[in-house]
Amino acid sequence: MKSFDFELISKIAVLLIIAFITGYAIFGLSKFNNKEASNTERIEEMIDKALVQCYALEGSYPSGAQFDEKMAKYGVVLNNEKYIYHYEVLGSNVRPEIIVIIK
């Protein structure tokens, strides 16, 4: 009968466990990044809806200086500690460009 090399088997088992833990960690991080990306998209959609409501009620989009104030007025609370809000005004009657970036 052939004898088993328990030292080799234990090394392979340790390598498999390390590979599993590494794969699980990578999967978890990618899932977390996807969740953060979907959060920024959702925030952009909320801001866009508030901008449309502002335009419909007031006849123009808010200027850059009015952005925070107008968002609060239309129900969007901005988290300036966690996100950067890029708000580019192209004109009072042209829909502004909104980009939300995680700090």
PDB file of N, CA and C in Angstrom:
ATOM      1  N   MET A   1       0.816  -1.175   0.000  1.00  0.00           N
ATOM      2  CA  MET A   1       0.000   0.000   0.000  1.00  0.00           C
ATOM      3  C   MET A   1       0.863   1.242   0.000  1.00  0.00           C
ATOM      4  N   LYS A   2       0.318   2.267  -0.628  1.00  0.00           N
ATOM      5  CA  LYS A   2       1.027   3.549  -0.648  1.00  0.00           C
ATOM      6  C   LYS A   2       0.643   4.335   0.596  1.00  0.00           C
ATOM      7  N   SER A   3       1.618   5.015   1.157  1.00  0.00           N
ATOM      8  CA  SER A   3       1.326   5.842   2.326  1.00  0.00           C
ATOM      9  C   SER A   3       1.052   7.272   1.862  1.00  0.00           C
ATOM     10  N   PHE A   4       0.191   7.944   2.587  1.00  0.00           N
ATOM     11  CA  PHE A   4      -0.145   9.318   2.255  1.00  0.00           C
ATOM     12  C   PHE A   4       0.894  10.247   2.846  1.00  0.00           C
ATOM     13  N   ASP A   5       1.155  11.321   2.111  1.00  0.00           N
ATOM     14  CA  ASP A   5       2.080  12.341   2.593  1.00  0.00           C
ATOM     15  C   ASP A   5       1.237  13.428   3.276  1.00  0.00           C
ATOM     16  N   PHE A   6       1.051  13.274   4.596  1.00  0.00           N
ATOM     17  CA  PHE A   6       0.186  14.185   5.338  1.00  0.00           C
ATOM     18  C   PHE A   6       0.718  15.614   5.341  1.00  0.00           C
ATOM     19  N   GLU A   7       2.016  15.770   5.257  1.00  0.00           N
ATOM     20  CA  GLU A   7       2.597  17.120   5.230  1.00  0.00           C
ATOM     21  C   GLU A   7       2.193  17.834   3.939  1.00  0.00           C
ATOM     22  N   LEU A   8       2.245  17.142   2.821  1.00  0.00           N
ATOM     23  CA  LEU A   8       1.846  17.724   1.541  1.00  0.00           C
ATOM     24  C   LEU A   8       0.352  18.039   1.537  1.00  0.00           C
ATOM     25  N   ILE A   9      -0.454  17.144   2.056  1.00  0.00           N
ATOM     26  CA  ILE A   9      -1.902  17.348   2.103  1.00  0.00           C
ATOM     27  C   ILE A   9      -2.235  18.559   2.985  1.00  0.00           C
ATOM     28  N   SER A  10      -1.564  18.702   4.108  1.00  0.00           N
ATOM     29  CA  SER A  10      -1.837  19.839   4.997  1.00  0.00           C
ATOM     30  C   SER A  10      -1.424  21.151   4.349  1.00  0.00           C
ATOM     31  N   LYS A  11      -0.336  21.158   3.594  1.00  0.00           N
ATOM     32  CA  LYS A  11       0.081  22.378   2.885  1.00  0.00           C
ATOM     33  C   LYS A  11      -0.939  22.757   1.809  1.00  0.00           C
ATOM     34  N   ILE A  12      -1.421  21.781   1.086  1.00  0.00           N
ATOM     35  CA  ILE A  12      -2.438  22.034   0.057  1.00  0.00           C
ATOM     36  C   ILE A  12      -3.713  22.558   0.708  1.00  0.00           C
ATOM     37  N   ALA A  13      -4.107  21.980   1.844  1.00  0.00           N
ATOM     38  CA  ALA A  13      -5.312  22.430   2.541  1.00  0.00           C
ATOM     39  C   ALA A  13      -5.165  23.881   2.995  1.00  0.00           C
ATOM     40  N   VAL A  14      -4.008  24.237   3.517  1.00  0.00           N
ATOM     41  CA  VAL A  14      -3.766  25.615   3.959  1.00  0.00           C
ATOM     42  C   VAL A  14      -3.832  26.566   2.765  1.00  0.00           C
ATOM     43  N   LEU A  15      -3.226  26.189   1.646  1.00  0.00           N
ATOM     44  CA  LEU A  15      -3.270  27.027   0.444  1.00  0.00           C
ATOM     45  C   LEU A  15      -4.701  27.199  -0.067  1.00  0.00           C
ATOM     46  N   LEU A  16      -5.491  26.140  -0.028  1.00  0.00           N
ATOM     47  CA  LEU A  16      -6.888  26.236  -0.456  1.00  0.00           C
ATOM     48  C   LEU A  16      -7.684  27.160   0.470  1.00  0.00           C
ATOM     49  N   ILE A  17      -7.437  27.071   1.754  1.00  0.00           N
ATOM     50  CA  ILE A  17      -8.131  27.945   2.703  1.00  0.00           C
ATOM     51  C   ILE A  17      -7.742  29.394   2.474  1.00  0.00           C
ATOM     52  N   ILE A  18      -6.470  29.663   2.260  1.00  0.00           N
ATOM     53  CA  ILE A  18      -6.000  31.031   1.990  1.00  0.00           C
ATOM     54  C   ILE A  18      -6.611  31.546   0.684  1.00  0.00           C
ATOM     55  N   ALA A  19      -6.656  30.711  -0.338  1.00  0.00           N
ATOM     56  CA  ALA A  19      -7.248  31.114  -1.620  1.00  0.00           C
ATOM     57  C   ALA A  19      -8.736  31.418  -1.445  1.00  0.00           C
ATOM     58  N   PHE A  20      -9.442  30.615  -0.666  1.00  0.00           N
ATOM     59  CA  PHE A  20     -10.864  30.850  -0.419  1.00  0.00           C
ATOM     60  C   PHE A  20     -11.079  32.173   0.313  1.00  0.00           C
ATOM     61  N   ILE A  21     -10.302  32.425   1.347  1.00  0.00           N
ATOM     62  CA  ILE A  21     -10.445  33.670   2.121  1.00  0.00           C
ATOM     63  C   ILE A  21     -10.126  34.879   1.249  1.00  0.00           C
ATOM     64  N   THR A  22      -9.089  34.787   0.438  1.00  0.00           N
ATOM     65  CA  THR A  22      -8.728  35.891  -0.459  1.00  0.00           C
ATOM     66  C   THR A  22      -9.844  36.145  -1.471  1.00  0.00           C
ATOM     67  N   GLY A  23     -10.366  35.098  -2.068  1.00  0.00           N
ATOM     68  CA  GLY A  23     -11.458  35.255  -3.032  1.00  0.00           C
ATOM     69  C   GLY A  23     -12.688  35.854  -2.395  1.00  0.00           C
ATOM     70  N   TYR A  24     -13.003  35.428  -1.190  1.00  0.00           N
ATOM     71  CA  TYR A  24     -14.167  35.955  -0.485  1.00  0.00           C
ATOM     72  C   TYR A  24     -13.980  37.442  -0.171  1.00  0.00           C
ATOM     73  N   ALA A  25     -12.775  37.830   0.233  1.00  0.00           N
ATOM     74  CA  ALA A  25     -12.490  39.240   0.530  1.00  0.00           C
ATOM     75  C   ALA A  25     -12.595  40.092  -0.726  1.00  0.00           C
ATOM     76  N   ILE A  26     -12.069  39.622  -1.826  1.00  0.00           N
ATOM     77  CA  ILE A  26     -12.141  40.366  -3.087  1.00  0.00           C
ATOM     78  C   ILE A  26     -13.591  40.512  -3.535  1.00  0.00           C
ATOM     79  N   PHE A  27     -14.364  39.451  -3.418  1.00  0.00           N
ATOM     80  CA  PHE A  27     -15.778  39.498  -3.783  1.00  0.00           C
ATOM     81  C   PHE A  27     -16.525  40.504  -2.907  1.00  0.00           C
ATOM     82  N   GLY A  28     -16.247  40.499  -1.617  1.00  0.00           N
ATOM     83  CA  GLY A  28     -16.901  41.431  -0.700  1.00  0.00           C
ATOM     84  C   GLY A  28     -16.567  42.875  -1.008  1.00  0.00           C
ATOM     85  N   LEU A  29     -15.305  43.152  -1.332  1.00  0.00           N
ATOM     86  CA  LEU A  29     -14.910  44.520  -1.669  1.00  0.00           C
ATOM     87  C   LEU A  29     -15.556  44.982  -2.959  1.00  0.00           C
ATOM     88  N   SER A  30     -15.638  44.122  -3.949  1.00  0.00           N
ATOM     89  CA  SER A  30     -16.256  44.522  -5.212  1.00  0.00           C
ATOM     90  C   SER A  30     -17.750  44.771  -5.017  1.00  0.00           C
ATOM     91  N   LYS A  31     -18.384  43.985  -4.175  1.00  0.00           N
ATOM     92  CA  LYS A  31     -19.806  44.195  -3.893  1.00  0.00           C
ATOM     93  C   LYS A  31     -20.015  45.522  -3.169  1.00  0.00           C
ATOM     94  N   PHE A  32     -19.106  45.858  -2.242  1.00  0.00           N
ATOM     95  CA  PHE A  32     -19.178  47.131  -1.525  1.00  0.00           C
ATOM     96  C   PHE A  32     -19.008  48.288  -2.493  1.00  0.00           C
ATOM     97  N   ASN A  33     -18.048  48.204  -3.421  1.00  0.00           N
ATOM     98  CA  ASN A  33     -17.841  49.274  -4.400  1.00  0.00           C
ATOM     99  C   ASN A  33     -19.055  49.443  -5.305  1.00  0.00           C
ATOM    100  N   ASN A  34     -19.682  48.343  -5.705  1.00  0.00           N
ATOM    101  CA  ASN A  34     -20.887  48.429  -6.535  1.00  0.00           C
ATOM    102  C   ASN A  34     -22.016  49.106  -5.773  1.00  0.00           C
ATOM    103  N   LYS A  35     -22.123  48.822  -4.471  1.00  0.00           N
ATOM    104  CA  LYS A  35     -23.163  49.444  -3.659  1.00  0.00           C
ATOM    105  C   LYS A  35     -22.932  50.951  -3.571  1.00  0.00           C
ATOM    106  N   GLU A  36     -21.685  51.380  -3.362  1.00  0.00           N
ATOM    107  CA  GLU A  36     -21.371  52.810  -3.297  1.00  0.00           C
ATOM    108  C   GLU A  36     -21.666  53.493  -4.627  1.00  0.00           C
ATOM    109  N   ALA A  37     -21.357  52.826  -5.734  1.00  0.00           N
ATOM    110  CA  ALA A  37     -21.632  53.398  -7.053  1.00  0.00           C
ATOM    111  C   ALA A  37     -23.134  53.546  -7.270  1.00  0.00           C
ATOM    112  N   SER A  38     -23.903  52.564  -6.834  1.00  0.00           N
ATOM    113  CA  SER A  38     -25.349  52.685  -7.003  1.00  0.00           C
ATOM    114  C   SER A  38     -25.909  53.777  -6.100  1.00  0.00           C
ATOM    115  N   ASN A  39     -25.285  53.998  -4.925  1.00  0.00           N
ATOM    116  CA  ASN A  39     -25.717  55.096  -4.057  1.00  0.00           C
ATOM    117  C   ASN A  39     -25.514  56.441  -4.737  1.00  0.00           C
ATOM    118  N   THR A  40     -24.370  56.639  -5.384  1.00  0.00           N
ATOM    119  CA  THR A  40     -24.128  57.916  -6.052  1.00  0.00           C
ATOM    120  C   THR A  40     -25.100  58.118  -7.207  1.00  0.00           C
ATOM    121  N   GLU A  41     -25.418  57.055  -7.923  1.00  0.00           N
ATOM    122  CA  GLU A  41     -26.395  57.164  -9.014  1.00  0.00           C
ATOM    123  C   GLU A  41     -27.770  57.538  -8.472  1.00  0.00           C
ATOM    124  N   ARG A  42     -28.155  56.933  -7.349  1.00  0.00           N
ATOM    125  CA  ARG A  42     -29.436  57.245  -6.733  1.00  0.00           C
ATOM    126  C   ARG A  42     -29.478  58.700  -6.257  1.00  0.00           C
ATOM    127  N   ILE A  43     -28.380  59.180  -5.693  1.00  0.00           N
ATOM    128  CA  ILE A  43     -28.311  60.575  -5.243  1.00  0.00           C
ATOM    129  C   ILE A  43     -28.424  61.517  -6.436  1.00  0.00           C
ATOM    130  N   GLU A  44     -27.731  61.188  -7.527  1.00  0.00           N
ATOM    131  CA  GLU A  44     -27.823  62.011  -8.740  1.00  0.00           C
ATOM    132  C   GLU A  44     -29.267  62.067  -9.246  1.00  0.00           C
ATOM    133  N   GLU A  45     -29.976  60.946  -9.202  1.00  0.00           N
ATOM    134  CA  GLU A  45     -31.379  60.921  -9.640  1.00  0.00           C
ATOM    135  C   GLU A  45     -32.258  61.785  -8.737  1.00  0.00           C
ATOM    136  N   MET A  46     -32.022  61.727  -7.423  1.00  0.00           N
ATOM    137  CA  MET A  46     -32.799  62.546  -6.490  1.00  0.00           C
ATOM    138  C   MET A  46     -32.546  64.029  -6.737  1.00  0.00           C
ATOM    139  N   ILE A  47     -31.286  64.388  -6.959  1.00  0.00           N
ATOM    140  CA  ILE A  47     -30.947  65.788  -7.229  1.00  0.00           C
ATOM    141  C   ILE A  47     -31.597  66.229  -8.531  1.00  0.00           C
ATOM    142  N   ASP A  48     -31.551  65.364  -9.535  1.00  0.00           N
ATOM    143  CA  ASP A  48     -32.146  65.698 -10.826  1.00  0.00           C
ATOM    144  C   ASP A  48     -33.652  65.944 -10.697  1.00  0.00           C
ATOM    145  N   LYS A  49     -34.343  65.104  -9.931  1.00  0.00           N
ATOM    146  CA  LYS A  49     -35.780  65.300  -9.717  1.00  0.00           C
ATOM    147  C   LYS A  49     -36.053  66.622  -9.003  1.00  0.00           C
ATOM    148  N   ALA A  50     -35.217  66.954  -8.013  1.00  0.00           N
ATOM    149  CA  ALA A  50     -35.391  68.221  -7.295  1.00  0.00           C
ATOM    150  C   ALA A  50     -35.135  69.403  -8.225  1.00  0.00           C
ATOM    151  N   LEU A  51     -34.174  69.267  -9.126  1.00  0.00           N
ATOM    152  CA  LEU A  51     -33.892  70.343 -10.085  1.00  0.00           C
ATOM    153  C   LEU A  51     -35.060  70.552 -11.045  1.00  0.00           C
ATOM    154  N   VAL A  52     -35.646  69.458 -11.499  1.00  0.00           N
ATOM    155  CA  VAL A  52     -36.806  69.561 -12.393  1.00  0.00           C
ATOM    156  C   VAL A  52     -37.966  70.225 -11.666  1.00  0.00           C
ATOM    157  N   GLN A  53     -38.183  69.847 -10.414  1.00  0.00           N
ATOM    158  CA  GLN A  53     -39.247  70.457  -9.627  1.00  0.00           C
ATOM    159  C   GLN A  53     -38.982  71.953  -9.427  1.00  0.00           C
ATOM    160  N   CYS A  54     -37.729  72.297  -9.154  1.00  0.00           N
ATOM    161  CA  CYS A  54     -37.352  73.702  -8.992  1.00  0.00           C
ATOM    162  C   CYS A  54     -37.622  74.471 -10.281  1.00  0.00           C
ATOM    163  N   TYR A  55     -37.231  73.900 -11.402  1.00  0.00           N
ATOM    164  CA  TYR A  55     -37.432  74.564 -12.694  1.00  0.00           C
ATOM    165  C   TYR A  55     -38.927  74.738 -12.989  1.00  0.00           C
ATOM    166  N   ALA A  56     -39.712  73.711 -12.678  1.00  0.00           N
ATOM    167  CA  ALA A  56     -41.150  73.772 -12.946  1.00  0.00           C
ATOM    168  C   ALA A  56     -41.839  74.829 -12.090  1.00  0.00           C
ATOM    169  N   LEU A  57     -41.409  74.972 -10.849  1.00  0.00           N
ATOM    170  CA  LEU A  57     -42.076  75.905  -9.945  1.00  0.00           C
ATOM    171  C   LEU A  57     -41.520  77.331 -10.022  1.00  0.00           C
ATOM    172  N   GLU A  58     -40.203  77.441 -10.289  1.00  0.00           N
ATOM    173  CA  GLU A  58     -39.577  78.764 -10.240  1.00  0.00           C
ATOM    174  C   GLU A  58     -39.191  79.311 -11.612  1.00  0.00           C
ATOM    175  N   GLY A  59     -39.201  78.470 -12.629  1.00  0.00           N
ATOM    176  CA  GLY A  59     -38.910  78.930 -13.980  1.00  0.00           C
ATOM    177  C   GLY A  59     -37.448  78.944 -14.368  1.00  0.00           C
ATOM    178  N   SER A  60     -36.564  78.541 -13.456  1.00  0.00           N
ATOM    179  CA  SER A  60     -35.138  78.459 -13.785  1.00  0.00           C
ATOM    180  C   SER A  60     -34.466  77.473 -12.835  1.00  0.00           C
ATOM    181  N   TYR A  61     -33.314  76.975 -13.280  1.00  0.00           N
ATOM    182  CA  TYR A  61     -32.521  76.104 -12.419  1.00  0.00           C
ATOM    183  C   TYR A  61     -31.717  76.973 -11.459  1.00  0.00           C
ATOM    184  N   PRO A  62     -31.378  76.454 -10.279  1.00  0.00           N
ATOM    185  CA  PRO A  62     -30.620  77.271  -9.333  1.00  0.00           C
ATOM    186  C   PRO A  62     -29.193  77.529  -9.815  1.00  0.00           C
ATOM    187  N   SER A  63     -28.678  78.690  -9.444  1.00  0.00           N
ATOM    188  CA  SER A  63     -27.280  78.990  -9.751  1.00  0.00           C
ATOM    189  C   SER A  63     -26.396  78.159  -8.827  1.00  0.00           C
ATOM    190  N   GLY A  64     -25.118  78.172  -9.078  1.00  0.00           N
ATOM    191  CA  GLY A  64     -24.185  77.416  -8.236  1.00  0.00           C
ATOM    192  C   GLY A  64     -24.225  77.846  -6.780  1.00  0.00           C
ATOM    193  N   ALA A  65     -24.399  79.142  -6.538  1.00  0.00           N
ATOM    194  CA  ALA A  65     -24.442  79.660  -5.170  1.00  0.00           C
ATOM    195  C   ALA A  65     -25.716  79.242  -4.448  1.00  0.00           C
ATOM    196  N   GLN A  66     -26.783  79.002  -5.180  1.00  0.00           N
ATOM    197  CA  GLN A  66     -28.069  78.630  -4.596  1.00  0.00           C
ATOM    198  C   GLN A  66     -28.264  77.120  -4.486  1.00  0.00           C
ATOM    199  N   PHE A  67     -27.332  76.344  -4.990  1.00  0.00           N
ATOM    200  CA  PHE A  67     -27.523  74.896  -5.126  1.00  0.00           C
ATOM    201  C   PHE A  67     -27.888  74.232  -3.798  1.00  0.00           C
ATOM    202  N   ASP A  68     -27.076  74.408  -2.748  1.00  0.00           N
ATOM    203  CA  ASP A  68     -27.337  73.764  -1.457  1.00  0.00           C
ATOM    204  C   ASP A  68     -28.695  74.183  -0.889  1.00  0.00           C
ATOM    205  N   GLU A  69     -28.964  75.477  -0.947  1.00  0.00           N
ATOM    206  CA  GLU A  69     -30.213  76.025  -0.405  1.00  0.00           C
ATOM    207  C   GLU A  69     -31.421  75.460  -1.142  1.00  0.00           C
ATOM    208  N   LYS A  70     -31.353  75.439  -2.470  1.00  0.00           N
ATOM    209  CA  LYS A  70     -32.485  74.950  -3.269  1.00  0.00           C
ATOM    210  C   LYS A  70     -32.697  73.444  -3.095  1.00  0.00           C
ATOM    211  N   MET A  71     -31.607  72.690  -2.960  1.00  0.00           N
ATOM    212  CA  MET A  71     -31.757  71.251  -2.755  1.00  0.00           C
ATOM    213  C   MET A  71     -32.476  70.988  -1.434  1.00  0.00           C
ATOM    214  N   ALA A  72     -32.107  71.726  -0.391  1.00  0.00           N
ATOM    215  CA  ALA A  72     -32.776  71.566   0.906  1.00  0.00           C
ATOM    216  C   ALA A  72     -34.251  71.954   0.797  1.00  0.00           C
ATOM    217  N   LYS A  73     -34.528  72.999   0.045  1.00  0.00           N
ATOM    218  CA  LYS A  73     -35.906  73.461  -0.126  1.00  0.00           C
ATOM    219  C   LYS A  73     -36.773  72.391  -0.793  1.00  0.00           C
ATOM    220  N   TYR A  74     -36.175  71.624  -1.711  1.00  0.00           N
ATOM    221  CA  TYR A  74     -36.925  70.600  -2.439  1.00  0.00           C
ATOM    222  C   TYR A  74     -36.693  69.190  -1.892  1.00  0.00           C
ATOM    223  N   GLY A  75     -36.221  69.104  -0.639  1.00  0.00           N
ATOM    224  CA  GLY A  75     -36.182  67.828   0.062  1.00  0.00           C
ATOM    225  C   GLY A  75     -34.941  66.982  -0.093  1.00  0.00           C
ATOM    226  N   VAL A  76     -33.857  67.517  -0.645  1.00  0.00           N
ATOM    227  CA  VAL A  76     -32.630  66.744  -0.796  1.00  0.00           C
ATOM    228  C   VAL A  76     -31.596  67.313   0.179  1.00  0.00           C
ATOM    229  N   VAL A  77     -31.217  66.503   1.163  1.00  0.00           N
ATOM    230  CA  VAL A  77     -30.201  66.912   2.129  1.00  0.00           C
ATOM    231  C   VAL A  77     -28.855  66.392   1.626  1.00  0.00           C
ATOM    232  N   LEU A  78     -27.924  67.302   1.387  1.00  0.00           N
ATOM    233  CA  LEU A  78     -26.618  66.940   0.842  1.00  0.00           C
ATOM    234  C   LEU A  78     -25.643  66.605   1.971  1.00  0.00           C
ATOM    235  N   ASN A  79     -24.883  65.548   1.791  1.00  0.00           N
ATOM    236  CA  ASN A  79     -23.868  65.145   2.758  1.00  0.00           C
ATOM    237  C   ASN A  79     -22.501  65.556   2.213  1.00  0.00           C
ATOM    238  N   ASN A  80     -22.088  66.773   2.527  1.00  0.00           N
ATOM    239  CA  ASN A  80     -20.837  67.311   1.991  1.00  0.00           C
ATOM    240  C   ASN A  80     -19.596  66.682   2.623  1.00  0.00           C
ATOM    241  N   GLU A  81     -19.774  65.953   3.723  1.00  0.00           N
ATOM    242  CA  GLU A  81     -18.637  65.282   4.351  1.00  0.00           C
ATOM    243  C   GLU A  81     -18.295  63.973   3.646  1.00  0.00           C
ATOM    244  N   LYS A  82     -19.280  63.335   3.035  1.00  0.00           N
ATOM    245  CA  LYS A  82     -19.069  62.038   2.390  1.00  0.00           C
ATOM    246  C   LYS A  82     -18.957  62.127   0.871  1.00  0.00           C
ATOM    247  N   TYR A  83     -19.624  63.128   0.270  1.00  0.00           N
ATOM    248  CA  TYR A  83     -19.675  63.224  -1.183  1.00  0.00           C
ATOM    249  C   TYR A  83     -19.220  64.593  -1.676  1.00  0.00           C
ATOM    250  N   ILE A  84     -18.741  64.610  -2.892  1.00  0.00           N
ATOM    251  CA  ILE A  84     -18.449  65.851  -3.613  1.00  0.00           C
ATOM    252  C   ILE A  84     -19.521  65.978  -4.682  1.00  0.00           C
ATOM    253  N   TYR A  85     -20.136  67.145  -4.761  1.00  0.00           N
ATOM    254  CA  TYR A  85     -21.200  67.386  -5.729  1.00  0.00           C
ATOM    255  C   TYR A  85     -20.676  68.343  -6.794  1.00  0.00           C
ATOM    256  N   HIS A  86     -20.547  67.827  -8.004  1.00  0.00           N
ATOM    257  CA  HIS A  86     -20.137  68.677  -9.127  1.00  0.00           C
ATOM    258  C   HIS A  86     -21.419  69.163  -9.786  1.00  0.00           C
ATOM    259  N   TYR A  87     -21.628  70.470  -9.727  1.00  0.00           N
ATOM    260  CA  TYR A  87     -22.849  71.076 -10.253  1.00  0.00           C
ATOM    261  C   TYR A  87     -22.421  72.159 -11.232  1.00  0.00           C
ATOM    262  N   GLU A  88     -22.623  71.885 -12.509  1.00  0.00           N
ATOM    263  CA  GLU A  88     -22.201  72.836 -13.543  1.00  0.00           C
ATOM    264  C   GLU A  88     -23.428  73.439 -14.210  1.00  0.00           C
ATOM    265  N   VAL A  89     -23.557  74.750 -14.036  1.00  0.00           N
ATOM    266  CA  VAL A  89     -24.682  75.481 -14.607  1.00  0.00           C
ATOM    267  C   VAL A  89     -24.319  75.908 -16.026  1.00  0.00           C
ATOM    268  N   LEU A  90     -25.182  75.561 -16.968  1.00  0.00           N
ATOM    269  CA  LEU A  90     -24.950  75.912 -18.365  1.00  0.00           C
ATOM    270  C   LEU A  90     -25.805  77.093 -18.796  1.00  0.00           C
ATOM    271  N   GLY A  91     -26.790  77.429 -17.994  1.00  0.00           N
ATOM    272  CA  GLY A  91     -27.703  78.536 -18.254  1.00  0.00           C
ATOM    273  C   GLY A  91     -28.925  78.366 -17.376  1.00  0.00           C
ATOM    274  N   SER A  92     -29.679  79.432 -17.176  1.00  0.00           N
ATOM    275  CA  SER A  92     -30.807  79.349 -16.249  1.00  0.00           C
ATOM    276  C   SER A  92     -31.928  78.452 -16.778  1.00  0.00           C
ATOM    277  N   ASN A  93     -31.960  78.246 -18.105  1.00  0.00           N
ATOM    278  CA  ASN A  93     -33.015  77.397 -18.675  1.00  0.00           C
ATOM    279  C   ASN A  93     -32.467  76.116 -19.301  1.00  0.00           C
ATOM    280  N   VAL A  94     -31.204  75.797 -19.041  1.00  0.00           N
ATOM    281  CA  VAL A  94     -30.585  74.567 -19.543  1.00  0.00           C
ATOM    282  C   VAL A  94     -30.294  73.670 -18.343  1.00  0.00           C
ATOM    283  N   ARG A  95     -30.701  72.419 -18.452  1.00  0.00           N
ATOM    284  CA  ARG A  95     -30.516  71.487 -17.331  1.00  0.00           C
ATOM    285  C   ARG A  95     -29.032  71.389 -16.954  1.00  0.00           C
ATOM    286  N   PRO A  96     -28.707  71.626 -15.685  1.00  0.00           N
ATOM    287  CA  PRO A  96     -27.304  71.571 -15.247  1.00  0.00           C
ATOM    288  C   PRO A  96     -26.757  70.147 -15.234  1.00  0.00           C
ATOM    289  N   GLU A  97     -25.446  70.055 -15.246  1.00  0.00           N
ATOM    290  CA  GLU A  97     -24.776  68.764 -15.174  1.00  0.00           C
ATOM    291  C   GLU A  97     -24.517  68.447 -13.711  1.00  0.00           C
ATOM    292  N   ILE A  98     -24.891  67.255 -13.281  1.00  0.00           N
ATOM    293  CA  ILE A  98     -24.716  66.819 -11.904  1.00  0.00           C
ATOM    294  C   ILE A  98     -23.848  65.568 -11.881  1.00  0.00           C
ATOM    295  N   ILE A  99     -22.796  65.583 -11.070  1.00  0.00           N
ATOM    296  CA  ILE A  99     -21.977  64.394 -10.847  1.00  0.00           C
ATOM    297  C   ILE A  99     -21.733  64.297  -9.341  1.00  0.00           C
ATOM    298  N   VAL A 100     -21.988  63.130  -8.763  1.00  0.00           N
ATOM    299  CA  VAL A 100     -21.746  62.898  -7.349  1.00  0.00           C
ATOM    300  C   VAL A 100     -20.565  61.936  -7.237  1.00  0.00           C
ATOM    301  N   ILE A 101     -19.572  62.324  -6.421  1.00  0.00           N
ATOM    302  CA  ILE A 101     -18.337  61.553  -6.265  1.00  0.00           C
ATOM    303  C   ILE A 101     -18.135  61.260  -4.783  1.00  0.00           C
ATOM    304  N   ILE A 102     -17.746  60.049  -4.458  1.00  0.00           N
ATOM    305  CA  ILE A 102     -17.440  59.691  -3.082  1.00  0.00           C
ATOM    306  C   ILE A 102     -16.075  60.262  -2.734  1.00  0.00           C
ATOM    307  N   LYS A 103     -15.977  60.908  -1.564  1.00  0.00           N
ATOM    308  CA  LYS A 103     -14.686  61.453  -1.121  1.00  0.00           C
ATOM    309  C   LYS A 103     -13.731  60.361  -0.760  1.00  0.00           C
TER     310      LYS A 103
END
